[in-house]
Amino acid sequence: MIPAVVISKKREGESLSRSEIRSFISEYTAGTVPDYQMAALAMAIFFQGMTPEETSELTDAMIDTGDRLRRVSDRPRVDKHSTGGLGDLTSLILAPLLACCDLDVPMISGRGLGITGGTLDKLEAIPGFRCDLSEAESEQQLRQIGCFITGATEKLVPADKKLYGLRDVTGTVPSISLITASIMSKKIAETLDALVLDVKFGSGAFLPTLARAKELATSLCSNGLRAGIRTTALLTDMNQPLGTMVGNTCEVDQSIEILRGEGPPEATELTMELCARVLLETQKASDRQSAWKILQEHIDSGRAYERFEQMIHMQHGDLNAKRALGKPKPFLAQKAGVLSSIDGQKLGQAIIAMGGGRKKAGEPIDHSVGLRMEKRLADRIEAGDELLIIYCDSDSKREEASKLVSEAIRIEESLGERFPLWQEFQPGA
């Protein structure tokens, strides 16, 4: 296998063979193929795409660079994956909530990609929290409390661990094939029985349009089903942040509110709906109404928050320790009207400008920065109203973020296009 030949072949829009894909991925993982050649292939895939067969081969090639997780109990084994969006904190709530339903939730998560924060970055806003559990530690935790959230070990899909960070800093994140292989390689390696996918679209997501979200959902679901995993998907609107908080510490705090039965209705509703789909797929509930009732009882009783506490404690986190949060400053409306649209890309860039996201692979982040949304789309705005709160200790970084925020928020006389919070995904529709 000559890497330059494979890169050129995909650059010209040709399909890659099984052996070409497998050789390239295995040699990249081993270090024989350098980052710059992998980046070149990723860019060629971004522009030329892959056939479903190529995407499946890429997924399998990535899985085969490592091991698969072992089952540790007779409980159904489930997970959720979100394609990422501003304020998307559902994983922090879903894992302990489903664990209360006599399910195993072995959640392998990642760090931030592009404008959206990673689940691991958010959890590390909790002092002491470990995202590097060994295989033995994760198995023990799964036996005891039914859930963990950790990063991939060196043995679990090491190809994705290398490629994940490379995509983030080379502008190749929004590729259907690369997203599919990244997500499904980890989920198939988790040896799941059921998987629910939260496929996002809009200005605050990787994919701007509903059509592209449907394309990705089709690719993800077909890969899951071929692996024998009961896979379903929701298509969710990310034209504004999911909750009221954006940022690592901010989103941890809001997750705790939701687990205690508080918090914004949109974030709560979507998390409950994702959990309900898992209960239906594993026959833990007979219909959507009974699934919601089961979940609500776990929240109302305090069991869901207690399980979250157990998970954090077992991963060495200290929920009683102070979490860093920057100095708050309001961002005020300059005119009256209707909040007609929010450019999520600009909001995400504001977080990155303050240090809450990465500009290059491996860069440390500032967990304390963030935004609190005071208004939502369609709200009537008066001049001088607080649109949002910016959390940042650096005056210069806050000023840079404020400029991006001012470009992101549009106040007009009429409202732009609206979508429901979530839509059912129907393959082929």
Protein backbone atom coordinates (compact mmCIF):
# COMPACT_ATOMS: atom_id res chain seq x y z
CA MET A 1 0.00 0.00 0.00
CA ILE A 2 1.41 3.35 -1.10
CA PRO A 3 -0.35 6.10 0.91
CA ALA A 4 0.01 8.77 -1.79
CA VAL A 5 -1.68 6.47 -4.33
CA VAL A 6 -4.64 5.86 -2.00
CA ILE A 7 -4.95 9.59 -1.29
CA SER A 8 -4.86 10.42 -5.02
CA LYS A 9 -7.43 7.74 -5.80
CA LYS A 10 -9.92 9.15 -3.29
CA ARG A 11 -9.08 12.72 -4.35
CA GLU A 12 -10.29 11.78 -7.85
CA GLY A 13 -13.53 10.36 -6.47
CA GLU A 14 -12.74 6.67 -6.90
CA SER A 15 -13.82 4.01 -4.44
CA LEU A 16 -11.17 2.52 -2.20
CA SER A 17 -10.83 -1.24 -1.86
CA ARG A 18 -11.16 -3.14 1.39
CA SER A 19 -7.41 -3.81 1.51
CA GLU A 20 -6.55 -0.14 0.82
CA ILE A 21 -8.78 1.09 3.63
CA ARG A 22 -7.58 -1.52 6.10
CA SER A 23 -3.91 -1.04 5.28
CA PHE A 24 -4.12 2.75 5.51
CA ILE A 25 -5.91 2.69 8.88
CA SER A 26 -3.74 -0.01 10.44
CA GLU A 27 -0.52 1.68 9.31
CA TYR A 28 -1.74 5.08 10.50
CA THR A 29 -2.55 3.61 13.90
CA ALA A 30 0.88 1.98 14.06
CA GLY A 31 2.57 5.28 13.15
CA THR A 32 3.86 4.19 9.75
CA VAL A 33 1.49 6.59 7.96
CA PRO A 34 2.08 10.11 9.37
CA ASP A 35 -0.58 12.61 10.42
CA TYR A 36 -0.15 14.76 7.31
CA GLN A 37 -1.04 11.85 5.01
CA MET A 38 -4.02 10.87 7.16
CA ALA A 39 -5.14 14.50 7.11
CA ALA A 40 -4.84 14.51 3.31
CA LEU A 41 -6.99 11.38 3.03
CA ALA A 42 -9.53 12.80 5.47
CA MET A 43 -9.80 15.95 3.35
CA ALA A 44 -10.22 13.87 0.19
CA ILE A 45 -12.98 11.87 1.91
CA PHE A 46 -14.57 15.13 3.07
CA PHE A 47 -14.85 16.40 -0.51
CA GLN A 48 -15.49 13.15 -2.38
CA GLY A 49 -17.41 11.13 0.18
CA MET A 50 -17.52 7.36 0.49
CA THR A 51 -19.95 4.70 -0.62
CA PRO A 52 -21.90 2.86 2.11
CA GLU A 53 -19.64 -0.13 1.51
CA GLU A 54 -16.50 1.99 1.96
CA THR A 55 -17.92 3.52 5.13
CA SER A 56 -18.65 0.05 6.54
CA GLU A 57 -15.11 -1.08 5.70
CA LEU A 58 -13.68 2.03 7.34
CA THR A 59 -15.75 1.39 10.47
CA ASP A 60 -14.64 -2.25 10.67
CA ALA A 61 -11.00 -1.36 9.97
CA MET A 62 -11.04 1.07 12.89
CA ILE A 63 -12.67 -1.48 15.23
CA ASP A 64 -10.06 -4.09 14.30
CA THR A 65 -7.19 -1.87 15.43
CA GLY A 66 -8.15 -2.73 19.01
CA ASP A 67 -10.29 -4.82 21.31
CA ARG A 68 -13.99 -4.93 22.14
CA LEU A 69 -15.49 -4.46 25.59
CA ARG A 70 -16.54 -7.60 27.44
CA ARG A 71 -19.98 -8.09 28.89
CA VAL A 72 -19.99 -8.12 32.68
CA SER A 73 -23.64 -8.86 33.51
CA ASP A 74 -26.87 -10.25 32.11
CA ARG A 75 -28.42 -6.78 31.97
CA PRO A 76 -29.17 -5.32 28.52
CA ARG A 77 -26.25 -3.19 27.34
CA VAL A 78 -27.15 0.20 25.87
CA ASP A 79 -25.80 3.60 24.96
CA LYS A 80 -26.62 6.92 23.33
CA HIS A 81 -24.61 9.05 20.98
CA SER A 82 -25.14 12.67 20.03
CA THR A 83 -23.50 14.17 16.98
CA GLY A 84 -22.88 17.30 19.04
CA GLY A 85 -24.49 20.66 19.53
CA LEU A 86 -24.28 23.76 21.69
CA GLY A 87 -25.39 23.10 25.25
CA ASP A 88 -25.84 19.37 24.58
CA LEU A 89 -25.51 17.89 28.06
CA THR A 90 -27.74 14.85 27.61
CA SER A 91 -25.01 12.22 28.18
CA LEU A 92 -24.38 13.39 31.74
CA ILE A 93 -28.04 12.83 32.60
CA LEU A 94 -28.83 9.82 30.43
CA ALA A 95 -26.13 7.43 31.67
CA PRO A 96 -27.13 7.42 35.36
CA LEU A 97 -30.84 7.66 34.54
CA LEU A 98 -30.77 4.54 32.35
CA ALA A 99 -28.58 2.73 34.88
CA CYS A 100 -31.49 3.14 37.32
CA CYS A 101 -33.60 1.10 34.88
CA ASP A 102 -31.54 -2.09 35.30
CA LEU A 103 -29.48 -1.43 32.19
CA ASP A 104 -25.72 -1.33 31.64
CA VAL A 105 -24.49 1.93 30.07
CA PRO A 106 -20.80 1.65 29.05
CA MET A 107 -20.41 5.14 27.61
CA ILE A 108 -17.18 5.78 25.70
CA SER A 109 -17.08 9.51 25.01
CA GLY A 110 -14.78 12.03 23.39
CA ARG A 111 -13.52 15.55 23.68
CA GLY A 112 -14.71 18.65 21.88
CA LEU A 113 -14.87 18.68 18.10
CA GLY A 114 -15.21 21.99 16.29
CA ILE A 115 -17.54 24.37 18.11
CA THR A 116 -19.20 21.77 20.32
CA GLY A 117 -17.87 20.73 23.71
CA GLY A 118 -16.98 17.13 24.46
CA THR A 119 -18.57 15.11 27.26
CA LEU A 120 -15.15 14.35 28.75
CA ASP A 121 -14.21 18.03 28.79
CA LYS A 122 -17.43 18.82 30.64
CA LEU A 123 -16.92 16.12 33.24
CA GLU A 124 -13.36 17.28 33.87
CA ALA A 125 -14.85 20.55 35.11
CA ILE A 126 -15.59 18.47 38.23
CA PRO A 127 -12.41 18.55 40.36
CA GLY A 128 -10.63 15.21 40.41
CA PHE A 129 -12.84 13.49 37.81
CA ARG A 130 -11.01 10.77 35.88
CA CYS A 131 -11.79 10.12 32.21
CA ASP A 132 -9.09 7.46 31.80
CA LEU A 133 -10.54 4.38 33.45
CA SER A 134 -8.72 1.13 32.79
CA GLU A 135 -10.65 -1.82 31.40
CA ALA A 136 -10.71 -3.45 34.84
CA GLU A 137 -11.93 -0.25 36.52
CA SER A 138 -14.70 0.31 33.98
CA GLU A 139 -15.86 -3.30 34.30
CA GLN A 140 -15.97 -3.08 38.09
CA GLN A 141 -17.93 0.18 37.94
CA LEU A 142 -20.40 -1.28 35.46
CA ARG A 143 -21.01 -4.28 37.73
CA GLN A 144 -21.57 -2.07 40.76
CA ILE A 145 -23.64 0.85 39.47
CA GLY A 146 -24.42 0.06 35.82
CA CYS A 147 -22.74 3.04 34.16
CA PHE A 148 -19.51 4.85 33.44
CA ILE A 149 -18.44 7.68 31.15
CA THR A 150 -14.81 7.51 30.11
CA GLY A 151 -12.48 8.00 27.17
CA ALA A 152 -11.37 5.15 24.97
CA THR A 153 -8.42 3.17 26.29
CA GLU A 154 -5.39 2.51 24.14
CA LYS A 155 -6.89 -0.89 23.35
CA LEU A 156 -10.36 0.30 22.29
CA VAL A 157 -10.47 1.64 18.72
CA PRO A 158 -7.04 3.33 18.91
CA ALA A 159 -7.45 4.42 15.29
CA ASP A 160 -10.35 6.67 16.24
CA LYS A 161 -8.49 8.13 19.19
CA LYS A 162 -5.76 9.33 16.81
CA LEU A 163 -8.07 10.42 14.00
CA TYR A 164 -10.58 12.18 16.29
CA GLY A 165 -8.20 14.95 17.30
CA LEU A 166 -6.81 15.27 13.77
CA ARG A 167 -10.28 15.90 12.30
CA ASP A 168 -10.94 18.61 14.88
CA VAL A 169 -8.04 20.78 13.71
CA THR A 170 -8.08 20.07 9.96
CA GLY A 171 -11.63 21.15 9.11
CA THR A 172 -12.80 17.61 8.29
CA VAL A 173 -15.34 17.12 11.07
CA PRO A 174 -18.58 17.42 8.99
CA SER A 175 -17.99 14.32 6.82
CA ILE A 176 -20.80 11.75 6.84
CA SER A 177 -18.41 8.83 6.37
CA LEU A 178 -15.84 9.99 8.91
CA ILE A 179 -18.52 10.79 11.50
CA THR A 180 -20.16 7.40 10.94
CA ALA A 181 -16.91 5.45 11.26
CA SER A 182 -15.87 7.41 14.35
CA ILE A 183 -19.17 6.98 16.18
CA MET A 184 -20.03 3.44 15.16
CA SER A 185 -16.55 1.98 15.61
CA LYS A 186 -16.73 2.89 19.32
CA LYS A 187 -20.36 1.87 19.75
CA ILE A 188 -19.96 -1.50 18.01
CA ALA A 189 -16.82 -2.11 20.08
CA GLU A 190 -18.93 -1.55 23.22
CA THR A 191 -20.87 -4.77 22.35
CA LEU A 192 -24.25 -3.07 22.70
CA ASP A 193 -27.74 -4.50 22.48
CA ALA A 194 -29.41 -1.16 21.74
CA LEU A 195 -28.32 2.32 20.72
CA VAL A 196 -30.21 5.59 20.35
CA LEU A 197 -28.73 8.34 18.18
CA ASP A 198 -29.30 12.05 18.59
CA VAL A 199 -28.54 13.43 15.12
CA LYS A 200 -28.47 17.21 15.21
CA PHE A 201 -28.89 19.85 12.53
CA GLY A 202 -28.86 23.64 12.43
CA SER A 203 -26.45 26.47 13.01
CA GLY A 204 -25.21 25.03 16.31
CA ALA A 205 -24.43 21.58 14.90
CA PHE A 206 -21.89 20.09 12.51
CA LEU A 207 -24.59 19.58 9.89
CA PRO A 208 -26.54 22.73 8.97
CA THR A 209 -29.57 21.19 7.25
CA LEU A 210 -32.25 18.63 8.04
CA ALA A 211 -31.45 16.84 4.77
CA ARG A 212 -27.82 16.29 5.83
CA ALA A 213 -28.95 15.09 9.24
CA LYS A 214 -31.20 12.50 7.58
CA GLU A 215 -28.28 11.37 5.43
CA LEU A 216 -26.11 10.89 8.52
CA ALA A 217 -28.88 9.14 10.46
CA THR A 218 -29.31 6.70 7.56
CA SER A 219 -25.59 5.95 7.54
CA LEU A 220 -25.37 5.52 11.32
CA CYS A 221 -28.47 3.36 11.65
CA SER A 222 -27.51 1.06 8.77
CA ASN A 223 -24.09 0.51 10.35
CA GLY A 224 -25.61 -0.25 13.73
CA LEU A 225 -28.21 -2.63 12.37
CA ARG A 226 -25.68 -4.58 10.28
CA ALA A 227 -23.73 -5.12 13.52
CA GLY A 228 -26.82 -6.57 15.22
CA ILE A 229 -27.50 -3.53 17.42
CA ARG A 230 -31.09 -2.30 17.71
CA THR A 231 -30.49 1.25 16.50
CA THR A 232 -32.92 4.18 16.39
CA ALA A 233 -32.45 7.90 15.85
CA LEU A 234 -34.04 11.26 16.54
CA LEU A 235 -33.38 14.35 14.41
CA THR A 236 -32.99 17.32 16.72
CA ASP A 237 -32.94 21.07 16.14
CA MET A 238 -29.75 22.91 17.05
CA ASN A 239 -30.58 26.38 15.74
CA GLN A 240 -30.25 27.53 19.34
CA PRO A 241 -28.51 26.00 22.38
CA LEU A 242 -30.33 22.98 23.80
CA GLY A 243 -30.47 24.30 27.34
CA THR A 244 -29.72 27.72 28.76
CA MET A 245 -26.03 26.97 29.39
CA VAL A 246 -23.07 26.63 27.02
CA GLY A 247 -19.66 25.78 28.46
CA ASN A 248 -18.09 23.06 30.55
CA THR A 249 -18.78 24.05 34.16
CA CYS A 250 -22.05 25.68 33.08
CA GLU A 251 -23.33 22.46 31.55
CA VAL A 252 -22.32 20.30 34.50
CA ASP A 253 -24.27 22.63 36.79
CA GLN A 254 -27.31 22.45 34.52
CA SER A 255 -27.11 18.65 34.30
CA ILE A 256 -27.30 18.49 38.08
CA GLU A 257 -30.36 20.75 38.03
CA ILE A 258 -32.12 18.43 35.57
CA LEU A 259 -31.24 15.30 37.55
CA ARG A 260 -32.83 17.01 40.56
CA GLY A 261 -36.03 17.66 38.61
CA GLU A 262 -35.20 21.26 37.74
CA GLY A 263 -33.60 22.89 34.73
CA PRO A 264 -34.84 24.02 31.29
CA PRO A 265 -37.72 22.10 29.70
CA GLU A 266 -36.10 21.58 26.28
CA ALA A 267 -32.99 19.84 27.61
CA THR A 268 -35.11 17.75 29.97
CA GLU A 269 -37.59 16.74 27.26
CA LEU A 270 -34.94 15.62 24.79
CA THR A 271 -33.05 13.59 27.39
CA MET A 272 -36.24 11.88 28.52
CA GLU A 273 -37.23 11.09 24.95
CA LEU A 274 -33.82 9.56 24.16
CA CYS A 275 -34.03 7.46 27.32
CA ALA A 276 -37.57 6.39 26.50
CA ARG A 277 -36.44 5.05 23.10
CA VAL A 278 -33.87 2.87 24.85
CA LEU A 279 -36.47 1.51 27.29
CA LEU A 280 -38.72 0.60 24.37
CA GLU A 281 -35.91 -1.10 22.42
CA THR A 282 -34.92 -3.18 25.46
CA GLN A 283 -38.55 -3.97 26.37
CA LYS A 284 -38.20 -2.24 29.73
CA ALA A 285 -41.37 -0.32 28.81
CA SER A 286 -44.31 -1.25 26.62
CA ASP A 287 -45.04 2.22 25.26
CA ARG A 288 -43.72 5.77 25.30
CA GLN A 289 -46.05 6.94 28.08
CA SER A 290 -44.99 4.17 30.47
CA ALA A 291 -41.33 4.77 29.59
CA TRP A 292 -41.62 8.44 30.53
CA LYS A 293 -43.39 7.48 33.77
CA ILE A 294 -40.58 5.11 34.77
CA LEU A 295 -37.94 7.74 34.05
CA GLN A 296 -39.80 10.50 35.88
CA GLU A 297 -40.10 8.30 38.96
CA HIS A 298 -36.33 7.81 39.05
CA ILE A 299 -35.84 11.59 38.93
CA ASP A 300 -38.59 12.45 41.42
CA SER A 301 -37.33 9.86 43.92
CA GLY A 302 -33.77 11.16 43.75
CA ARG A 303 -32.43 7.82 42.49
CA ALA A 304 -31.13 9.31 39.22
CA TYR A 305 -29.10 12.00 40.99
CA GLU A 306 -27.85 9.48 43.54
CA ARG A 307 -26.60 7.25 40.70
CA PHE A 308 -24.88 10.28 39.14
CA GLU A 309 -23.19 10.98 42.47
CA GLN A 310 -22.02 7.37 42.65
CA MET A 311 -20.60 7.54 39.13
CA ILE A 312 -18.72 10.76 39.84
CA HIS A 313 -17.39 9.42 43.15
CA MET A 314 -16.19 6.15 41.61
CA GLN A 315 -14.34 8.15 38.96
CA HIS A 316 -12.66 10.23 41.72
CA GLY A 317 -14.69 13.39 41.13
CA ASP A 318 -15.67 15.66 44.00
CA LEU A 319 -19.10 17.24 43.56
CA ASN A 320 -18.68 19.17 46.81
CA ALA A 321 -15.55 20.95 45.59
CA LYS A 322 -15.98 24.36 44.01
CA ARG A 323 -16.18 24.28 40.21
CA ALA A 324 -14.46 27.15 38.43
CA LEU A 325 -16.83 29.66 36.84
CA GLY A 326 -15.74 32.94 35.29
CA LYS A 327 -16.90 36.41 36.27
CA PRO A 328 -20.40 37.06 34.85
CA LYS A 329 -21.18 40.04 32.64
CA PRO A 330 -24.48 40.64 30.81
CA PHE A 331 -24.70 41.13 27.06
CA LEU A 332 -27.47 43.63 26.33
CA ALA A 333 -29.77 44.05 23.35
CA GLN A 334 -29.11 47.17 21.30
CA LYS A 335 -32.59 47.36 19.80
CA ALA A 336 -36.14 46.09 20.15
CA GLY A 337 -37.71 43.36 18.07
CA VAL A 338 -37.99 39.58 17.94
CA LEU A 339 -35.07 37.22 18.51
CA SER A 340 -35.26 35.83 15.00
CA SER A 341 -32.11 33.72 14.67
CA ILE A 342 -28.96 32.62 16.48
CA ASP A 343 -25.77 31.72 14.62
CA GLY A 344 -24.57 28.75 16.66
CA GLN A 345 -21.23 28.69 14.88
CA LYS A 346 -20.49 32.20 16.13
CA LEU A 347 -21.57 31.33 19.67
CA GLY A 348 -19.31 28.28 19.60
CA GLN A 349 -16.46 30.41 18.31
CA ALA A 350 -17.05 32.78 21.22
CA ILE A 351 -16.52 29.89 23.65
CA ILE A 352 -13.32 28.90 21.83
CA ALA A 353 -12.11 32.53 21.82
CA MET A 354 -12.41 32.57 25.61
CA GLY A 355 -10.45 29.32 25.90
CA GLY A 356 -13.38 26.94 26.39
CA GLY A 357 -12.58 24.98 23.22
CA ARG A 358 -9.52 23.93 21.28
CA LYS A 359 -7.76 25.61 18.35
CA LYS A 360 -5.28 22.75 18.01
CA ALA A 361 -5.15 19.12 19.07
CA GLY A 362 -4.27 18.45 22.70
CA GLU A 363 -4.65 22.07 23.77
CA PRO A 364 -5.82 22.56 27.39
CA ILE A 365 -9.15 24.30 27.88
CA ASP A 366 -10.58 26.73 30.41
CA HIS A 367 -13.57 25.02 32.03
CA SER A 368 -14.71 28.24 33.72
CA VAL A 369 -15.84 30.16 30.64
CA GLY A 370 -19.35 29.95 29.25
CA LEU A 371 -22.63 31.55 28.26
CA ARG A 372 -26.05 31.59 29.90
CA MET A 373 -28.86 32.26 27.47
CA GLU A 374 -31.51 34.59 28.92
CA LYS A 375 -33.70 34.63 25.80
CA ARG A 376 -34.81 32.03 23.26
CA LEU A 377 -35.91 32.21 19.65
CA ALA A 378 -39.25 33.99 19.14
CA ASP A 379 -38.92 35.97 22.40
CA ARG A 380 -39.90 39.64 22.23
CA ILE A 381 -36.86 41.81 22.98
CA GLU A 382 -36.66 45.39 24.26
CA ALA A 383 -33.56 47.54 23.95
CA GLY A 384 -31.39 47.04 27.03
CA ASP A 385 -32.71 43.53 27.78
CA GLU A 386 -30.15 40.95 28.91
CA LEU A 387 -29.78 38.52 26.01
CA LEU A 388 -27.18 36.36 27.70
CA ILE A 389 -24.53 36.31 30.40
CA ILE A 390 -20.87 35.86 29.47
CA TYR A 391 -18.69 34.08 32.05
CA CYS A 392 -15.01 34.94 31.68
CA ASP A 393 -12.25 36.28 33.93
CA SER A 394 -10.23 37.83 31.09
CA ASP A 395 -11.47 41.23 29.92
CA SER A 396 -9.74 40.94 26.54
CA LYS A 397 -11.13 37.45 25.84
CA ARG A 398 -14.59 38.54 26.94
CA GLU A 399 -14.41 41.48 24.56
CA GLU A 400 -13.45 39.18 21.69
CA ALA A 401 -16.31 36.84 22.61
CA SER A 402 -18.75 39.77 22.80
CA LYS A 403 -17.97 40.72 19.21
CA LEU A 404 -18.78 37.19 18.07
CA VAL A 405 -21.96 37.13 20.15
CA SER A 406 -23.10 40.41 18.57
CA GLU A 407 -22.63 38.82 15.13
CA ALA A 408 -24.48 35.67 16.21
CA ILE A 409 -27.75 37.16 17.45
CA ARG A 410 -30.23 38.73 15.07
CA ILE A 411 -33.16 40.82 16.29
CA GLU A 412 -35.69 41.53 13.56
CA GLU A 413 -39.38 42.29 13.22
CA SER A 414 -40.26 38.70 12.29
CA LEU A 415 -39.12 35.21 13.22
CA GLY A 416 -36.99 33.01 10.99
CA GLU A 417 -37.74 29.35 10.14
CA ARG A 418 -38.56 27.15 13.15
CA PHE A 419 -38.36 23.40 13.65
CA PRO A 420 -39.71 21.15 16.41
CA LEU A 421 -37.19 20.22 19.09
CA TRP A 422 -37.01 16.66 17.80
CA GLN A 423 -38.38 14.67 14.87
CA GLU A 424 -38.77 10.94 14.35
CA PHE A 425 -36.26 9.50 11.92
CA GLN A 426 -37.87 7.30 9.28
CA PRO A 427 -35.34 5.46 7.07
CA GLY A 428 -35.97 6.24 3.43
CA ALA A 429 -38.23 9.21 4.22
